[in-house]
């Protein structure tokens, strides 16, 4: 899972990603730690980061 890497690469903080994706802060933090999450959540995050789901989940 490349969520944290892509978020940092795009210059976004967790609160900024929360605003863009409508995904709760705790959920984003958990995904960055564990490296997994619900597909529906991952789609929201990929859309907010303007990357494909495949790219996000590599």
N, C-alpha and C. Protein backbone atom coordinates (compact mmCIF):
# COMPACT_ATOMS: atom_id res chain seq x y z
N UNK A 1 0.84 -1.18 0.00
CA UNK A 1 0.00 0.00 0.00
C UNK A 1 0.88 1.25 0.00
N UNK A 2 0.62 2.12 -0.94
CA UNK A 2 1.47 3.30 -1.10
C UNK A 2 0.77 4.59 -0.69
N UNK A 3 -0.26 4.49 0.16
CA UNK A 3 -1.04 5.67 0.52
C UNK A 3 -0.18 6.79 1.09
N UNK A 4 0.59 6.49 2.12
CA UNK A 4 1.40 7.53 2.76
C UNK A 4 2.42 8.11 1.79
N UNK A 5 3.06 7.23 1.03
CA UNK A 5 4.07 7.67 0.06
C UNK A 5 3.47 8.63 -0.97
N UNK A 6 2.31 8.27 -1.52
CA UNK A 6 1.66 9.11 -2.53
C UNK A 6 1.16 10.42 -1.90
N UNK A 7 0.60 10.33 -0.70
CA UNK A 7 0.10 11.53 -0.02
C UNK A 7 1.23 12.53 0.20
N UNK A 8 2.37 12.05 0.68
CA UNK A 8 3.51 12.92 0.94
C UNK A 8 4.07 13.47 -0.37
N UNK A 9 4.15 12.61 -1.39
CA UNK A 9 4.64 13.02 -2.71
C UNK A 9 3.80 14.17 -3.28
N UNK A 10 2.50 14.15 -2.99
CA UNK A 10 1.59 15.19 -3.49
C UNK A 10 1.53 16.40 -2.56
N UNK A 11 2.30 16.34 -1.48
CA UNK A 11 2.38 17.47 -0.56
C UNK A 11 1.15 17.66 0.31
N UNK A 12 0.46 16.56 0.60
CA UNK A 12 -0.76 16.65 1.39
C UNK A 12 -0.56 16.15 2.81
N UNK A 13 -1.16 16.85 3.77
CA UNK A 13 -1.18 16.37 5.14
C UNK A 13 -2.39 15.44 5.29
N UNK A 14 -2.45 14.72 6.39
CA UNK A 14 -3.61 13.86 6.63
C UNK A 14 -4.90 14.69 6.68
N UNK A 15 -4.92 15.83 7.42
CA UNK A 15 -6.15 16.63 7.43
C UNK A 15 -6.58 17.12 6.03
N UNK A 16 -5.62 17.44 5.18
CA UNK A 16 -5.96 17.84 3.81
C UNK A 16 -6.58 16.68 3.03
N UNK A 17 -6.05 15.48 3.22
CA UNK A 17 -6.59 14.31 2.54
C UNK A 17 -7.99 13.99 3.07
N UNK A 18 -8.22 14.21 4.36
CA UNK A 18 -9.55 14.03 4.94
C UNK A 18 -10.55 14.92 4.21
N UNK A 19 -10.17 16.19 4.01
CA UNK A 19 -11.04 17.15 3.31
C UNK A 19 -11.32 16.71 1.88
N UNK A 20 -10.30 16.28 1.18
CA UNK A 20 -10.44 15.91 -0.23
C UNK A 20 -11.22 14.61 -0.43
N UNK A 21 -11.05 13.67 0.48
CA UNK A 21 -11.60 12.33 0.27
C UNK A 21 -12.88 12.04 1.05
N UNK A 22 -13.12 12.84 2.11
CA UNK A 22 -14.26 12.57 2.98
C UNK A 22 -14.10 11.25 3.73
N UNK A 23 -12.86 10.84 3.94
CA UNK A 23 -12.54 9.63 4.71
C UNK A 23 -12.03 10.11 6.08
N UNK A 24 -12.54 9.54 7.17
CA UNK A 24 -12.11 9.98 8.50
C UNK A 24 -10.60 9.86 8.72
N UNK A 25 -10.08 10.80 9.50
CA UNK A 25 -8.65 10.85 9.80
C UNK A 25 -8.15 9.51 10.37
N UNK A 26 -8.87 8.97 11.31
CA UNK A 26 -8.46 7.71 11.95
C UNK A 26 -8.36 6.58 10.93
N UNK A 27 -9.29 6.55 10.00
CA UNK A 27 -9.27 5.51 8.96
C UNK A 27 -8.02 5.65 8.10
N UNK A 28 -7.70 6.87 7.71
CA UNK A 28 -6.49 7.11 6.90
C UNK A 28 -5.24 6.68 7.68
N UNK A 29 -5.18 7.06 8.95
CA UNK A 29 -4.03 6.69 9.77
C UNK A 29 -3.91 5.17 9.91
N UNK A 30 -5.04 4.50 10.10
CA UNK A 30 -5.03 3.04 10.22
C UNK A 30 -4.56 2.39 8.92
N UNK A 31 -5.03 2.89 7.79
CA UNK A 31 -4.63 2.33 6.49
C UNK A 31 -3.13 2.53 6.28
N UNK A 32 -2.63 3.71 6.64
CA UNK A 32 -1.19 3.97 6.47
C UNK A 32 -0.36 3.04 7.35
N UNK A 33 -0.87 2.69 8.52
CA UNK A 33 -0.13 1.79 9.43
C UNK A 33 -0.24 0.33 8.99
N UNK A 34 -1.47 -0.12 8.74
CA UNK A 34 -1.71 -1.54 8.45
C UNK A 34 -1.51 -1.90 6.99
N UNK A 35 -1.77 -0.94 6.11
CA UNK A 35 -1.59 -1.22 4.68
C UNK A 35 -2.76 -1.89 4.02
N UNK A 36 -3.94 -1.86 4.66
CA UNK A 36 -5.12 -2.42 4.02
C UNK A 36 -6.36 -1.66 4.45
N UNK A 37 -7.41 -1.82 3.65
CA UNK A 37 -8.66 -1.14 3.95
C UNK A 37 -9.76 -1.61 3.02
N UNK A 38 -10.95 -1.10 3.24
CA UNK A 38 -12.08 -1.46 2.39
C UNK A 38 -11.88 -0.92 0.98
N UNK A 39 -12.35 -1.66 0.01
CA UNK A 39 -12.23 -1.24 -1.39
C UNK A 39 -12.93 0.10 -1.60
N UNK A 40 -14.11 0.27 -1.02
CA UNK A 40 -14.85 1.53 -1.20
C UNK A 40 -14.05 2.72 -0.66
N UNK A 41 -13.36 2.52 0.45
CA UNK A 41 -12.52 3.58 1.04
C UNK A 41 -11.31 3.84 0.15
N UNK A 42 -10.71 2.78 -0.37
CA UNK A 42 -9.53 2.94 -1.21
C UNK A 42 -9.89 3.69 -2.50
N UNK A 43 -11.08 3.45 -3.03
CA UNK A 43 -11.52 4.16 -4.23
C UNK A 43 -11.64 5.65 -3.95
N UNK A 44 -12.22 6.01 -2.81
CA UNK A 44 -12.33 7.43 -2.43
C UNK A 44 -10.94 8.07 -2.32
N UNK A 45 -10.02 7.36 -1.71
CA UNK A 45 -8.67 7.90 -1.53
C UNK A 45 -7.94 8.02 -2.87
N UNK A 46 -8.08 7.01 -3.72
CA UNK A 46 -7.44 7.06 -5.04
C UNK A 46 -7.98 8.24 -5.85
N UNK A 47 -9.31 8.44 -5.81
CA UNK A 47 -9.92 9.57 -6.52
C UNK A 47 -9.40 10.90 -5.98
N UNK A 48 -9.32 11.02 -4.67
CA UNK A 48 -8.85 12.26 -4.05
C UNK A 48 -7.39 12.55 -4.40
N UNK A 49 -6.60 11.49 -4.56
CA UNK A 49 -5.18 11.65 -4.88
C UNK A 49 -4.91 11.67 -6.39
N UNK A 50 -5.97 11.49 -7.18
CA UNK A 50 -5.84 11.48 -8.66
C UNK A 50 -4.88 10.39 -9.13
N UNK A 51 -5.02 9.21 -8.54
CA UNK A 51 -4.25 8.05 -8.97
C UNK A 51 -5.22 6.89 -9.17
N UNK A 52 -4.76 5.86 -9.86
CA UNK A 52 -5.60 4.68 -10.05
C UNK A 52 -5.59 3.85 -8.77
N UNK A 53 -6.62 3.05 -8.62
CA UNK A 53 -6.69 2.15 -7.47
C UNK A 53 -5.51 1.19 -7.49
N UNK A 54 -5.15 0.74 -8.68
CA UNK A 54 -4.01 -0.16 -8.85
C UNK A 54 -2.72 0.49 -8.35
N UNK A 55 -2.51 1.75 -8.72
CA UNK A 55 -1.30 2.47 -8.30
C UNK A 55 -1.26 2.64 -6.78
N UNK A 56 -2.41 2.94 -6.19
CA UNK A 56 -2.49 3.14 -4.75
C UNK A 56 -2.20 1.85 -3.99
N UNK A 57 -2.66 0.74 -4.51
CA UNK A 57 -2.56 -0.55 -3.80
C UNK A 57 -1.31 -1.36 -4.10
N UNK A 58 -0.40 -0.85 -4.89
CA UNK A 58 0.82 -1.59 -5.20
C UNK A 58 1.67 -1.78 -3.98
